[in-house]
Amino acid sequence: VATYKLRYLPVMNTVTWQQWTTIVFDGETGLATSHTDHWSLESLLSALPVVGRVYRNVLRPTAGKLVHKLLGNSVSRLALATP
C-alpha cells in the first residue's frame, strides 16, 4: 500500500492506493538490475473520495455492461474451450 501527499489538492491530506514493487537482482553481484513500481488505475481512482464513488457505482458497472453487450458470451465460451 502506498500513501502519497497531494500537493495540488490541499483538501485531501493523503491518498492511499495499492501498489507493488518488483526488484530484479543480479545473481553474481547482488546488485539491483531493475526496479519497477506497479499500480492500477482502478486502485488510484478508487482512492479518490468523489471520483472513487463515481467510478465504483457508475463507470465500472457501465463498462462491464458495455463489454458484455459487445462480446456477449464469446469470452465465457473461449475460456471454457481453452485447455
Protein backbone atom coordinates (compact mmCIF):
# COMPACT_ATOMS: atom_id res chain seq x y z
CA VAL A 1 0.00 0.00 0.00
CA ALA A 2 1.35 3.41 -0.95
CA THR A 3 0.38 6.67 0.70
CA TYR A 4 1.05 9.98 -1.02
CA LYS A 5 0.53 13.60 -0.05
CA LEU A 6 -1.17 15.54 -2.80
CA ARG A 7 0.43 18.91 -3.23
CA TYR A 8 -2.26 20.24 -5.57
CA LEU A 9 -5.30 19.05 -3.59
CA PRO A 10 -4.92 20.60 -0.14
CA VAL A 11 -8.44 19.46 0.82
CA MET A 12 -7.17 15.89 0.96
CA ASN A 13 -4.16 15.31 3.19
CA THR A 14 -3.18 11.95 1.74
CA VAL A 15 -4.36 9.36 -0.76
CA THR A 16 -3.64 5.67 -0.29
CA TRP A 17 -3.82 3.05 -3.01
CA GLN A 18 -2.42 -0.41 -3.67
CA GLN A 19 0.97 -0.58 -5.30
CA TRP A 20 3.64 -3.23 -5.52
CA THR A 21 7.28 -3.18 -6.47
CA THR A 22 9.37 -5.64 -8.46
CA ILE A 23 13.13 -5.56 -7.98
CA VAL A 24 15.40 -7.85 -10.02
CA PHE A 25 18.84 -8.62 -8.60
CA ASP A 26 21.94 -9.78 -10.45
CA GLY A 27 22.82 -13.27 -9.18
CA GLU A 28 26.56 -12.66 -9.26
CA THR A 29 26.93 -9.13 -7.91
CA GLY A 30 23.80 -8.98 -5.80
CA LEU A 31 23.06 -5.53 -7.20
CA ALA A 32 19.61 -4.48 -8.34
CA THR A 33 19.39 -4.54 -12.14
CA SER A 34 15.84 -3.20 -12.42
CA HIS A 35 13.15 -1.64 -10.25
CA THR A 36 9.52 -1.30 -11.35
CA ASP A 37 6.60 0.12 -9.38
CA HIS A 38 3.22 -1.30 -10.38
CA TRP A 39 -0.18 0.22 -9.68
CA SER A 40 -3.58 0.14 -11.34
CA LEU A 41 -5.83 2.93 -12.50
CA GLU A 42 -8.67 1.24 -10.61
CA SER A 43 -6.74 1.42 -7.34
CA LEU A 44 -5.90 5.08 -7.88
CA LEU A 45 -9.42 6.12 -8.89
CA SER A 46 -11.00 4.18 -6.03
CA ALA A 47 -8.78 6.04 -3.55
CA LEU A 48 -10.11 9.47 -4.53
CA PRO A 49 -13.23 10.37 -2.50
CA VAL A 50 -15.75 11.61 -5.09
CA VAL A 51 -14.09 10.09 -8.15
CA GLY A 52 -13.87 6.69 -6.44
CA ARG A 53 -17.57 6.61 -5.68
CA VAL A 54 -18.49 7.55 -9.28
CA TYR A 55 -16.01 5.00 -10.63
CA ARG A 56 -17.31 2.13 -8.47
CA ASN A 57 -21.02 2.90 -8.81
CA VAL A 58 -21.31 4.26 -12.37
CA LEU A 59 -18.28 3.85 -14.63
CA ARG A 60 -17.26 0.31 -13.73
CA PRO A 61 -20.75 -1.25 -13.96
CA THR A 62 -21.42 0.64 -17.20
CA ALA A 63 -18.15 -0.58 -18.73
CA GLY A 64 -18.98 -4.15 -17.68
CA LYS A 65 -22.41 -3.99 -19.30
CA LEU A 66 -20.93 -2.47 -22.46
CA VAL A 67 -18.29 -5.19 -22.78
CA HIS A 68 -20.94 -7.85 -22.16
CA LYS A 69 -23.13 -6.33 -24.89
CA LEU A 70 -20.23 -6.17 -27.34
CA LEU A 71 -18.75 -9.59 -26.64
CA GLY A 72 -21.76 -11.46 -25.31
CA ASN A 73 -20.90 -14.92 -24.09
CA SER A 74 -17.97 -15.33 -26.50
CA VAL A 75 -15.46 -14.67 -23.71
CA SER A 76 -17.06 -17.34 -21.49
CA ARG A 77 -17.08 -19.85 -24.36
CA LEU A 78 -13.45 -19.06 -25.15
CA ALA A 79 -12.44 -19.56 -21.51
CA LEU A 80 -14.20 -22.95 -21.41
CA ALA A 81 -12.65 -24.07 -24.71
CA THR A 82 -9.08 -23.23 -23.66
CA PRO A 83 -7.30 -26.21 -22.00
